[in-house]
Amino acid sequence: MLKIKTPHLFLSWFSFIAVLTAAFTASIAAADPSKAPLKVVATTGMIADLAEEVGGDRVDVAALMGPGVDPHLYKATLSDLQQLQRADLILYNGLHLEGKMAEVLEKLAKKKPSVAVASGIDTNLLLQPPEYEGQYDPHVWFDIKLWIKAMEAVTLSLSEQRPEDKQFFESNAAAYMAELLRLDEWIREQIASIPKAQRVLITAHDAFGYFGKAYDIEVMGLQGLSTASEFGLHDLKRLVDVIIDRRIKAVFVESSVPQKFILALKEGVQARGAEVALGGELFSDAMGEKGTPEGRYTGMLRHNVSTIVQALR
């Protein structure tokens, strides 16, 4: 009996067609750059995540600052500069978050489309701590409703670069906004489950001000808005007093800030004959590893909230 090995023939033919299709697509993109994905370079992972959610397969997004990287202190490498030069669109936070990259970003803005996604937010909605007169708190991603405004800036920027994909970008943004608003409600419910007296979040630096204001939790940090600022014995003593007087259960380390700062605080409490637990690690200025839940903006927030609630409740 004649045996016909059709499955293997089919797979070989299918693979051949797939290769031809890929080559054909690549040749069209080379001939017409508008058909190739838009090259977007973002400074932080949070902004890159926004661009990916809105842009979908119409964008090719790279983030300069990966997990554990502190944007306040980050200096652009030669590789970064090459990436920025090749970009069709540069997205950065603004509000002095990328302090040491400010000059580079300003120069590039004269040559190619560059957008500070947080700088367009109404200043009446921004926090301006008295000790940083003239500067706004740049950590706007910790209030989901403010981050939606940053997403609007991303959507507009992508649409300006690819008008033919405007409807696609706006549809993605609308779907993602619905997801973010559901997450916002979940966070409110979770934080409300912590007794009011215990609702105190103490971290290494003041990254969670918007989070505290949006979700009704008191926030304190050893350092100021930027990790470039120093903290002294007075700052340490102030927080030690707060922890002991108010019987705070836990303090938190940040993935992008050395643990030694919070460990010094814990030791200061122990020196006074009291105890405070390390509540866990929070993601503040950088997200988690790519491919993990914390490597996405929504997963990062869920991790933070679950860690805070478990430690304080």
C-alpha atoms as a PDB file:
ATOM      1  CA  MET A   1       0.000   0.000   0.000  1.00  0.00           C
ATOM      2  CA  LEU A   2       1.286   3.438  -0.910  1.00  0.00           C
ATOM      3  CA  LYS A   3       1.905   5.670   2.116  1.00  0.00           C
ATOM      4  CA  ILE A   4       1.685   9.434   1.499  1.00  0.00           C
ATOM      5  CA  LYS A   5       3.470  11.539   4.111  1.00  0.00           C
ATOM      6  CA  THR A   6       1.260  14.546   3.679  1.00  0.00           C
ATOM      7  CA  PRO A   7       1.762  16.064   7.161  1.00  0.00           C
ATOM      8  CA  HIS A   8       5.498  16.517   6.588  1.00  0.00           C
ATOM      9  CA  LEU A   9       4.946  17.893   3.121  1.00  0.00           C
ATOM     10  CA  PHE A  10       2.336  20.293   4.486  1.00  0.00           C
ATOM     11  CA  LEU A  11       4.634  21.506   7.263  1.00  0.00           C
ATOM     12  CA  SER A  12       7.528  22.025   4.844  1.00  0.00           C
ATOM     13  CA  TRP A  13       5.286  23.945   2.457  1.00  0.00           C
ATOM     14  CA  PHE A  14       3.823  25.991   5.341  1.00  0.00           C
ATOM     15  CA  SER A  15       7.337  26.862   6.584  1.00  0.00           C
ATOM     16  CA  PHE A  16       8.376  27.871   3.070  1.00  0.00           C
ATOM     17  CA  ILE A  17       5.346  30.167   2.737  1.00  0.00           C
ATOM     18  CA  ALA A  18       6.011  31.677   6.190  1.00  0.00           C
ATOM     19  CA  VAL A  19       9.608  32.506   5.212  1.00  0.00           C
ATOM     20  CA  LEU A  20       8.471  34.050   1.926  1.00  0.00           C
ATOM     21  CA  THR A  21       5.815  36.112   3.736  1.00  0.00           C
ATOM     22  CA  ALA A  22       8.310  37.408   6.295  1.00  0.00           C
ATOM     23  CA  ALA A  23      10.778  38.326   3.562  1.00  0.00           C
ATOM     24  CA  PHE A  24       8.040  40.038   1.546  1.00  0.00           C
ATOM     25  CA  THR A  25       6.889  42.019   4.618  1.00  0.00           C
ATOM     26  CA  ALA A  26      10.459  43.068   5.382  1.00  0.00           C
ATOM     27  CA  SER A  27      11.037  44.195   1.803  1.00  0.00           C
ATOM     28  CA  ILE A  28       7.844  46.299   1.846  1.00  0.00           C
ATOM     29  CA  ALA A  29       8.881  47.881   5.144  1.00  0.00           C
ATOM     30  CA  ALA A  30      12.300  48.694   3.702  1.00  0.00           C
ATOM     31  CA  ALA A  31      10.723  50.245   0.628  1.00  0.00           C
ATOM     32  CA  ASP A  32       8.085  52.118   2.640  1.00  0.00           C
ATOM     33  CA  PRO A  33       9.292  53.061   6.151  1.00  0.00           C
ATOM     34  CA  SER A  34       5.739  54.038   7.151  1.00  0.00           C
ATOM     35  CA  LYS A  35       4.817  50.326   7.121  1.00  0.00           C
ATOM     36  CA  ALA A  36       7.575  49.382   9.568  1.00  0.00           C
ATOM     37  CA  PRO A  37       6.846  49.592  13.310  1.00  0.00           C
ATOM     38  CA  LEU A  38       7.467  53.046  14.738  1.00  0.00           C
ATOM     39  CA  LYS A  39      10.754  53.068  16.679  1.00  0.00           C
ATOM     40  CA  VAL A  40       9.992  54.424  20.148  1.00  0.00           C
ATOM     41  CA  VAL A  41      12.603  54.899  22.865  1.00  0.00           C
ATOM     42  CA  ALA A  42      11.340  55.532  26.402  1.00  0.00           C
ATOM     43  CA  THR A  43      13.436  56.433  29.405  1.00  0.00           C
ATOM     44  CA  THR A  44      11.642  54.349  32.060  1.00  0.00           C
ATOM     45  CA  GLY A  45       9.933  50.988  32.010  1.00  0.00           C
ATOM     46  CA  MET A  46       6.623  52.544  33.048  1.00  0.00           C
ATOM     47  CA  ILE A  47       6.591  54.810  29.978  1.00  0.00           C
ATOM     48  CA  ALA A  48       7.723  51.981  27.692  1.00  0.00           C
ATOM     49  CA  ASP A  49       4.838  49.898  29.030  1.00  0.00           C
ATOM     50  CA  LEU A  50       2.376  52.677  28.142  1.00  0.00           C
ATOM     51  CA  ALA A  51       3.763  52.892  24.612  1.00  0.00           C
ATOM     52  CA  GLU A  52       3.457  49.123  24.161  1.00  0.00           C
ATOM     53  CA  GLU A  53      -0.127  49.038  25.445  1.00  0.00           C
ATOM     54  CA  VAL A  54      -1.226  51.874  23.156  1.00  0.00           C
ATOM     55  CA  GLY A  55       0.999  51.095  20.176  1.00  0.00           C
ATOM     56  CA  GLY A  56       0.552  47.334  20.010  1.00  0.00           C
ATOM     57  CA  ASP A  57       2.278  45.760  17.017  1.00  0.00           C
ATOM     58  CA  ARG A  58       2.559  49.133  15.272  1.00  0.00           C
ATOM     59  CA  VAL A  59       5.457  50.161  17.532  1.00  0.00           C
ATOM     60  CA  ASP A  60       8.871  48.810  18.442  1.00  0.00           C
ATOM     61  CA  VAL A  61       9.584  50.060  21.985  1.00  0.00           C
ATOM     62  CA  ALA A  62      12.879  50.129  23.885  1.00  0.00           C
ATOM     63  CA  ALA A  63      13.345  51.268  27.487  1.00  0.00           C
ATOM     64  CA  LEU A  64      16.676  52.762  28.475  1.00  0.00           C
ATOM     65  CA  MET A  65      16.305  52.095  32.206  1.00  0.00           C
ATOM     66  CA  GLY A  66      15.681  48.513  33.217  1.00  0.00           C
ATOM     67  CA  PRO A  67      14.754  46.832  36.519  1.00  0.00           C
ATOM     68  CA  GLY A  68      16.420  48.261  39.606  1.00  0.00           C
ATOM     69  CA  VAL A  69      17.640  51.390  37.805  1.00  0.00           C
ATOM     70  CA  ASP A  70      17.267  54.755  39.553  1.00  0.00           C
ATOM     71  CA  PRO A  71      16.159  57.399  36.994  1.00  0.00           C
ATOM     72  CA  HIS A  72      17.189  60.276  39.268  1.00  0.00           C
ATOM     73  CA  LEU A  73      20.850  59.254  39.018  1.00  0.00           C
ATOM     74  CA  TYR A  74      20.910  57.621  35.576  1.00  0.00           C
ATOM     75  CA  LYS A  75      23.458  58.799  33.010  1.00  0.00           C
ATOM     76  CA  ALA A  76      23.032  57.953  29.332  1.00  0.00           C
ATOM     77  CA  THR A  77      25.558  55.472  27.921  1.00  0.00           C
ATOM     78  CA  LEU A  78      26.974  55.510  24.392  1.00  0.00           C
ATOM     79  CA  SER A  79      24.549  52.705  23.505  1.00  0.00           C
ATOM     80  CA  ASP A  80      21.644  54.795  24.850  1.00  0.00           C
ATOM     81  CA  LEU A  81      22.676  57.782  22.741  1.00  0.00           C
ATOM     82  CA  GLN A  82      22.792  55.587  19.633  1.00  0.00           C
ATOM     83  CA  GLN A  83      19.310  54.244  20.399  1.00  0.00           C
ATOM     84  CA  LEU A  84      17.972  57.750  20.924  1.00  0.00           C
ATOM     85  CA  GLN A  85      19.496  58.935  17.656  1.00  0.00           C
ATOM     86  CA  ARG A  86      17.772  56.094  15.747  1.00  0.00           C
ATOM     87  CA  ALA A  87      14.365  56.631  17.386  1.00  0.00           C
ATOM     88  CA  ASP A  88      11.350  57.969  15.508  1.00  0.00           C
ATOM     89  CA  LEU A  89       9.898  59.162  18.821  1.00  0.00           C
ATOM     90  CA  ILE A  90      11.404  59.728  22.280  1.00  0.00           C
ATOM     91  CA  LEU A  91       9.176  59.518  25.351  1.00  0.00           C
ATOM     92  CA  TYR A  92      10.337  60.598  28.790  1.00  0.00           C
ATOM     93  CA  ASN A  93       8.700  61.506  32.081  1.00  0.00           C
ATOM     94  CA  GLY A  94       9.831  65.088  32.613  1.00  0.00           C
ATOM     95  CA  LEU A  95       9.305  67.061  35.852  1.00  0.00           C
ATOM     96  CA  HIS A  96      13.046  66.556  36.516  1.00  0.00           C
ATOM     97  CA  LEU A  97      12.729  62.781  37.004  1.00  0.00           C
ATOM     98  CA  GLU A  98      15.573  62.123  34.555  1.00  0.00           C
ATOM     99  CA  GLY A  99      17.763  64.719  36.238  1.00  0.00           C
ATOM    100  CA  LYS A 100      21.149  63.747  34.818  1.00  0.00           C
ATOM    101  CA  MET A 101      19.733  63.176  31.306  1.00  0.00           C
ATOM    102  CA  ALA A 102      18.002  66.558  31.054  1.00  0.00           C
ATOM    103  CA  GLU A 103      20.660  68.162  28.846  1.00  0.00           C
ATOM    104  CA  VAL A 104      20.772  65.190  26.457  1.00  0.00           C
ATOM    105  CA  LEU A 105      16.972  65.141  26.124  1.00  0.00           C
ATOM    106  CA  GLU A 106      16.826  68.893  25.511  1.00  0.00           C
ATOM    107  CA  LYS A 107      19.367  68.655  22.681  1.00  0.00           C
ATOM    108  CA  LEU A 108      17.583  65.708  21.055  1.00  0.00           C
ATOM    109  CA  ALA A 109      14.249  67.539  21.233  1.00  0.00           C
ATOM    110  CA  LYS A 110      15.623  70.009  18.673  1.00  0.00           C
ATOM    111  CA  LYS A 111      16.294  67.215  16.195  1.00  0.00           C
ATOM    112  CA  LYS A 112      13.427  64.740  16.583  1.00  0.00           C
ATOM    113  CA  PRO A 113       9.994  64.330  18.214  1.00  0.00           C
ATOM    114  CA  SER A 114      10.474  64.165  21.992  1.00  0.00           C
ATOM    115  CA  VAL A 115       7.623  64.237  24.501  1.00  0.00           C
ATOM    116  CA  ALA A 116       7.657  64.596  28.300  1.00  0.00           C
ATOM    117  CA  VAL A 117       4.518  62.602  29.081  1.00  0.00           C
ATOM    118  CA  ALA A 118       3.996  64.036  32.593  1.00  0.00           C
ATOM    119  CA  SER A 119       4.760  67.665  31.818  1.00  0.00           C
ATOM    120  CA  GLY A 120       1.391  68.239  30.172  1.00  0.00           C
ATOM    121  CA  ILE A 121      -0.592  67.344  33.304  1.00  0.00           C
ATOM    122  CA  ASP A 122      -2.437  70.292  34.853  1.00  0.00           C
ATOM    123  CA  THR A 123      -0.129  71.687  37.531  1.00  0.00           C
ATOM    124  CA  ASN A 124      -3.113  72.019  39.876  1.00  0.00           C
ATOM    125  CA  LEU A 125      -3.103  68.212  40.048  1.00  0.00           C
ATOM    126  CA  LEU A 126       0.604  67.950  40.802  1.00  0.00           C
ATOM    127  CA  LEU A 127       2.235  67.826  44.221  1.00  0.00           C
ATOM    128  CA  GLN A 128       4.739  70.528  45.115  1.00  0.00           C
ATOM    129  CA  PRO A 129       6.370  69.747  48.471  1.00  0.00           C
ATOM    130  CA  PRO A 130       7.376  72.942  50.299  1.00  0.00           C
ATOM    131  CA  GLU A 131      10.996  71.813  50.633  1.00  0.00           C
ATOM    132  CA  TYR A 132      11.190  71.625  46.804  1.00  0.00           C
ATOM    133  CA  GLU A 133       9.784  75.029  45.948  1.00  0.00           C
ATOM    134  CA  GLY A 134       9.489  75.480  42.208  1.00  0.00           C
ATOM    135  CA  GLN A 135       9.615  71.738  41.476  1.00  0.00           C
ATOM    136  CA  TYR A 136       6.797  69.243  41.151  1.00  0.00           C
ATOM    137  CA  ASP A 137       6.827  65.647  42.327  1.00  0.00           C
ATOM    138  CA  PRO A 138       7.576  63.595  39.170  1.00  0.00           C
ATOM    139  CA  HIS A 139       6.252  60.222  40.440  1.00  0.00           C
ATOM    140  CA  VAL A 140       2.826  60.646  38.808  1.00  0.00           C
ATOM    141  CA  TRP A 141       2.469  56.963  37.816  1.00  0.00           C
ATOM    142  CA  PHE A 142       1.437  56.123  41.387  1.00  0.00           C
ATOM    143  CA  ASP A 143      -1.932  57.804  40.851  1.00  0.00           C
ATOM    144  CA  ILE A 144      -3.631  55.795  38.120  1.00  0.00           C
ATOM    145  CA  LYS A 145      -5.880  58.682  37.085  1.00  0.00           C
ATOM    146  CA  LEU A 146      -2.847  60.912  36.535  1.00  0.00           C
ATOM    147  CA  TRP A 147      -1.105  58.135  34.618  1.00  0.00           C
ATOM    148  CA  ILE A 148      -4.115  57.951  32.321  1.00  0.00           C
ATOM    149  CA  LYS A 149      -3.370  61.583  31.451  1.00  0.00           C
ATOM    150  CA  ALA A 150       0.196  60.551  30.620  1.00  0.00           C
ATOM    151  CA  MET A 151      -1.272  57.809  28.411  1.00  0.00           C
ATOM    152  CA  GLU A 152      -3.262  60.464  26.555  1.00  0.00           C
ATOM    153  CA  ALA A 153       0.012  62.253  25.789  1.00  0.00           C
ATOM    154  CA  VAL A 154       1.507  58.981  24.505  1.00  0.00           C
ATOM    155  CA  THR A 155      -1.562  58.299  22.355  1.00  0.00           C
ATOM    156  CA  LEU A 156      -1.448  61.773  20.839  1.00  0.00           C
ATOM    157  CA  SER A 157       2.296  61.517  20.165  1.00  0.00           C
ATOM    158  CA  LEU A 158       1.974  58.158  18.406  1.00  0.00           C
ATOM    159  CA  SER A 159      -0.982  59.427  16.379  1.00  0.00           C
ATOM    160  CA  GLU A 160       0.973  62.484  15.254  1.00  0.00           C
ATOM    161  CA  GLN A 161       3.782  60.283  13.998  1.00  0.00           C
ATOM    162  CA  ARG A 162       1.445  57.760  12.326  1.00  0.00           C
ATOM    163  CA  PRO A 163      -1.852  59.524  11.487  1.00  0.00           C
ATOM    164  CA  GLU A 164      -3.016  56.472   9.519  1.00  0.00           C
ATOM    165  CA  ASP A 165      -2.935  54.423  12.769  1.00  0.00           C
ATOM    166  CA  LYS A 166      -4.695  57.032  14.911  1.00  0.00           C
ATOM    167  CA  GLN A 167      -7.895  55.010  15.297  1.00  0.00           C
ATOM    168  CA  PHE A 168      -5.891  51.899  16.221  1.00  0.00           C
ATOM    169  CA  PHE A 169      -3.970  53.773  18.934  1.00  0.00           C
ATOM    170  CA  GLU A 170      -7.105  55.399  20.338  1.00  0.00           C
ATOM    171  CA  SER A 171      -8.943  52.062  20.468  1.00  0.00           C
ATOM    172  CA  ASN A 172      -6.063  50.456  22.384  1.00  0.00           C
ATOM    173  CA  ALA A 173      -5.904  53.419  24.760  1.00  0.00           C
ATOM    174  CA  ALA A 174      -9.637  53.210  25.499  1.00  0.00           C
ATOM    175  CA  ALA A 175      -9.405  49.489  26.290  1.00  0.00           C
ATOM    176  CA  TYR A 176      -6.378  50.005  28.520  1.00  0.00           C
ATOM    177  CA  MET A 177      -8.010  52.916  30.325  1.00  0.00           C
ATOM    178  CA  ALA A 178     -10.935  50.663  31.265  1.00  0.00           C
ATOM    179  CA  GLU A 179      -8.464  48.130  32.691  1.00  0.00           C
ATOM    180  CA  LEU A 180      -6.652  50.847  34.655  1.00  0.00           C
ATOM    181  CA  LEU A 181      -9.878  52.205  36.139  1.00  0.00           C
ATOM    182  CA  ARG A 182     -10.794  48.711  37.375  1.00  0.00           C
ATOM    183  CA  LEU A 183      -7.351  48.441  38.959  1.00  0.00           C
ATOM    184  CA  ASP A 184      -7.831  51.857  40.571  1.00  0.00           C
ATOM    185  CA  GLU A 185     -11.008  50.635  42.289  1.00  0.00           C
ATOM    186  CA  TRP A 186      -9.281  47.459  43.480  1.00  0.00           C
ATOM    187  CA  ILE A 187      -6.448  49.486  45.029  1.00  0.00           C
ATOM    188  CA  ARG A 188      -8.941  51.713  46.892  1.00  0.00           C
ATOM    189  CA  GLU A 189     -10.675  48.659  48.345  1.00  0.00           C
ATOM    190  CA  GLN A 190      -7.384  47.033  49.396  1.00  0.00           C
ATOM    191  CA  ILE A 191      -5.908  50.102  51.100  1.00  0.00           C
ATOM    192  CA  ALA A 192      -9.231  50.805  52.849  1.00  0.00           C
ATOM    193  CA  SER A 193      -8.940  47.358  54.463  1.00  0.00           C
ATOM    194  CA  ILE A 194      -5.950  48.590  56.524  1.00  0.00           C
ATOM    195  CA  PRO A 195      -7.079  50.198  59.814  1.00  0.00           C
ATOM    196  CA  LYS A 196      -6.709  53.965  59.509  1.00  0.00           C
ATOM    197  CA  ALA A 197      -4.216  54.245  62.392  1.00  0.00           C
ATOM    198  CA  GLN A 198      -1.933  51.674  60.731  1.00  0.00           C
ATOM    199  CA  ARG A 199      -2.137  53.247  57.281  1.00  0.00           C
ATOM    200  CA  VAL A 200       1.414  54.676  57.234  1.00  0.00           C
ATOM    201  CA  LEU A 201       3.815  53.881  54.399  1.00  0.00           C
ATOM    202  CA  ILE A 202       7.498  54.495  55.193  1.00  0.00           C
ATOM    203  CA  THR A 203      10.063  54.030  52.406  1.00  0.00           C
ATOM    204  CA  ALA A 204      13.561  55.173  51.458  1.00  0.00           C
ATOM    205  CA  HIS A 205      12.521  58.219  49.426  1.00  0.00           C
ATOM    206  CA  ASP A 206       9.388  60.244  48.718  1.00  0.00           C
ATOM    207  CA  ALA A 207       8.244  58.315  45.642  1.00  0.00           C
ATOM    208  CA  PHE A 208       4.744  57.494  46.911  1.00  0.00           C
ATOM    209  CA  GLY A 209       3.248  60.949  47.485  1.00  0.00           C
ATOM    210  CA  TYR A 210       0.669  60.619  44.709  1.00  0.00           C
ATOM    211  CA  PHE A 211      -0.150  57.099  45.869  1.00  0.00           C
ATOM    212  CA  GLY A 212      -0.806  58.395  49.379  1.00  0.00           C
ATOM    213  CA  LYS A 213      -2.992  61.250  48.200  1.00  0.00           C
ATOM    214  CA  ALA A 214      -5.012  59.113  45.783  1.00  0.00           C
ATOM    215  CA  TYR A 215      -5.574  56.129  48.065  1.00  0.00           C
ATOM    216  CA  ASP A 216      -5.674  57.727  51.525  1.00  0.00           C
ATOM    217  CA  ILE A 217      -2.485  56.417  53.073  1.00  0.00           C
ATOM    218  CA  GLU A 218       0.068  58.550  54.913  1.00  0.00           C
ATOM    219  CA  VAL A 219       3.485  58.450  53.250  1.00  0.00           C
ATOM    220  CA  MET A 220       6.928  59.252  54.679  1.00  0.00           C
ATOM    221  CA  GLY A 221      10.431  58.857  53.266  1.00  0.00           C
ATOM    222  CA  LEU A 222      13.987  59.185  54.490  1.00  0.00           C
ATOM    223  CA  GLN A 223      15.090  61.074  51.382  1.00  0.00           C
ATOM    224  CA  GLY A 224      13.234  63.699  49.388  1.00  0.00           C
ATOM    225  CA  LEU A 225      11.699  63.468  45.914  1.00  0.00           C
ATOM    226  CA  SER A 226      15.064  62.608  44.368  1.00  0.00           C
ATOM    227  CA  THR A 227      17.472  59.963  45.587  1.00  0.00           C
ATOM    228  CA  ALA A 228      20.216  62.449  44.697  1.00  0.00           C
ATOM    229  CA  SER A 229      19.287  64.310  47.894  1.00  0.00           C
ATOM    230  CA  GLU A 230      20.975  63.391  51.168  1.00  0.00           C
ATOM    231  CA  PHE A 231      19.307  62.459  54.423  1.00  0.00           C
ATOM    232  CA  GLY A 232      20.836  63.248  57.793  1.00  0.00           C
ATOM    233  CA  LEU A 233      20.581  62.176  61.406  1.00  0.00           C
ATOM    234  CA  HIS A 234      17.664  64.558  61.885  1.00  0.00           C
ATOM    235  CA  ASP A 235      15.657  62.754  59.162  1.00  0.00           C
ATOM    236  CA  LEU A 236      16.543  59.390  60.669  1.00  0.00           C
ATOM    237  CA  LYS A 237      15.565  60.442  64.190  1.00  0.00           C
ATOM    238  CA  ARG A 238      12.291  61.945  62.953  1.00  0.00           C
ATOM    239  CA  LEU A 239      11.193  58.643  61.400  1.00  0.00           C
ATOM    240  CA  VAL A 240      12.433  56.563  64.329  1.00  0.00           C
ATOM    241  CA  ASP A 241      10.266  58.706  66.609  1.00  0.00           C
ATOM    242  CA  VAL A 242       7.247  58.256  64.329  1.00  0.00           C
ATOM    243  CA  ILE A 243       7.676  54.471  64.189  1.00  0.00           C
ATOM    244  CA  ILE A 244       7.975  54.138  67.956  1.00  0.00           C
ATOM    245  CA  ASP A 245       5.311  56.681  68.945  1.00  0.00           C
ATOM    246  CA  ARG A 246       2.744  55.360  66.470  1.00  0.00           C
ATOM    247  CA  ARG A 247       3.742  51.698  66.725  1.00  0.00           C
ATOM    248  CA  ILE A 248       4.271  51.324  62.987  1.00  0.00           C
ATOM    249  CA  LYS A 249       4.428  47.646  62.089  1.00  0.00           C
ATOM    250  CA  ALA A 250       6.659  47.711  59.012  1.00  0.00           C
ATOM    251  CA  VAL A 251       8.894  49.781  56.734  1.00  0.00           C
ATOM    252  CA  PHE A 252       9.632  49.028  53.082  1.00  0.00           C
ATOM    253  CA  VAL A 253      12.679  48.821  50.841  1.00  0.00           C
ATOM    254  CA  GLU A 254      12.578  49.906  47.191  1.00  0.00           C
ATOM    255  CA  SER A 255      13.935  47.908  44.272  1.00  0.00           C
ATOM    256  CA  SER A 256      15.817  50.914  42.850  1.00  0.00           C
ATOM    257  CA  VAL A 257      17.234  52.282  46.129  1.00  0.00           C
ATOM    258  CA  PRO A 258      19.980  50.640  48.252  1.00  0.00           C
ATOM    259  CA  GLN A 259      18.527  48.729  51.202  1.00  0.00           C
ATOM    260  CA  LYS A 260      21.100  50.235  53.579  1.00  0.00           C
ATOM    261  CA  PHE A 261      18.939  53.336  54.046  1.00  0.00           C
ATOM    262  CA  ILE A 262      15.967  51.413  55.419  1.00  0.00           C
ATOM    263  CA  LEU A 263      18.239  49.045  57.342  1.00  0.00           C
ATOM    264  CA  ALA A 264      19.728  52.104  59.079  1.00  0.00           C
ATOM    265  CA  LEU A 265      16.198  53.116  60.046  1.00  0.00           C
ATOM    266  CA  LYS A 266      15.419  49.642  61.393  1.00  0.00           C
ATOM    267  CA  GLU A 267      18.647  49.679  63.418  1.00  0.00           C
ATOM    268  CA  GLY A 268      17.745  53.113  64.800  1.00  0.00           C
ATOM    269  CA  VAL A 269      14.434  51.724  66.056  1.00  0.00           C
ATOM    270  CA  GLN A 270      16.158  48.691  67.602  1.00  0.00           C
ATOM    271  CA  ALA A 271      18.652  50.985  69.368  1.00  0.00           C
ATOM    272  CA  ARG A 272      15.672  52.524  71.156  1.00  0.00           C
ATOM    273  CA  GLY A 273      14.516  49.112  72.381  1.00  0.00           C
ATOM    274  CA  ALA A 274      11.692  48.703  69.839  1.00  0.00           C
ATOM    275  CA  GLU A 275      11.139  46.601  66.725  1.00  0.00           C
ATOM    276  CA  VAL A 276       9.874  47.256  63.217  1.00  0.00           C
ATOM    277  CA  ALA A 277       9.635  44.658  60.460  1.00  0.00           C
ATOM    278  CA  LEU A 278      10.843  44.922  56.881  1.00  0.00           C
ATOM    279  CA  GLY A 279       7.521  44.772  55.087  1.00  0.00           C
ATOM    280  CA  GLY A 280       8.973  43.707  51.761  1.00  0.00           C
ATOM    281  CA  GLU A 281      10.278  45.227  48.546  1.00  0.00           C
ATOM    282  CA  LEU A 282       8.272  47.786  46.587  1.00  0.00           C
ATOM    283  CA  PHE A 283       8.788  48.879  43.006  1.00  0.00           C
ATOM    284  CA  SER A 284       9.038  52.658  42.944  1.00  0.00           C
ATOM    285  CA  ASP A 285      11.110  54.226  40.149  1.00  0.00           C
ATOM    286  CA  ALA A 286      11.556  51.033  38.142  1.00  0.00           C
ATOM    287  CA  MET A 287       9.435  47.976  37.370  1.00  0.00           C
ATOM    288  CA  GLY A 288      10.325  44.306  37.731  1.00  0.00           C
ATOM    289  CA  GLU A 289      12.053  41.983  35.289  1.00  0.00           C
ATOM    290  CA  LYS A 290      10.583  41.768  31.800  1.00  0.00           C
ATOM    291  CA  GLY A 291       8.379  38.711  31.424  1.00  0.00           C
ATOM    292  CA  THR A 292       7.253  38.746  35.074  1.00  0.00           C
ATOM    293  CA  PRO A 293       3.934  40.189  36.326  1.00  0.00           C
ATOM    294  CA  GLU A 294       5.892  43.011  38.003  1.00  0.00           C
ATOM    295  CA  GLY A 295       7.493  43.801  34.641  1.00  0.00           C
ATOM    296  CA  ARG A 296       4.200  45.427  33.589  1.00  0.00           C
ATOM    297  CA  TYR A 297       2.759  48.590  35.105  1.00  0.00           C
ATOM    298  CA  THR A 298      -0.434  46.897  36.319  1.00  0.00           C
ATOM    299  CA  GLY A 299       1.480  43.967  37.825  1.00  0.00           C
ATOM    300  CA  MET A 300       3.896  46.335  39.541  1.00  0.00           C
ATOM    301  CA  LEU A 301       1.012  48.152  41.233  1.00  0.00           C
ATOM    302  CA  ARG A 302      -0.715  44.929  42.258  1.00  0.00           C
ATOM    303  CA  HIS A 303       2.529  43.660  43.795  1.00  0.00           C
ATOM    304  CA  ASN A 304       3.069  46.907  45.723  1.00  0.00           C
ATOM    305  CA  VAL A 305      -0.467  47.062  47.069  1.00  0.00           C
ATOM    306  CA  SER A 306      -0.514  43.393  48.098  1.00  0.00           C
ATOM    307  CA  THR A 307       2.849  43.804  49.856  1.00  0.00           C
ATOM    308  CA  ILE A 308       1.726  46.951  51.703  1.00  0.00           C
ATOM    309  CA  VAL A 309      -1.610  45.495  52.785  1.00  0.00           C
ATOM    310  CA  GLN A 310      -0.090  42.219  53.999  1.00  0.00           C
ATOM    311  CA  ALA A 311       2.523  44.041  56.083  1.00  0.00           C
ATOM    312  CA  LEU A 312       0.322  46.766  57.583  1.00  0.00           C
ATOM    313  CA  ARG A 313      -3.011  44.998  58.019  1.00  0.00           C
END
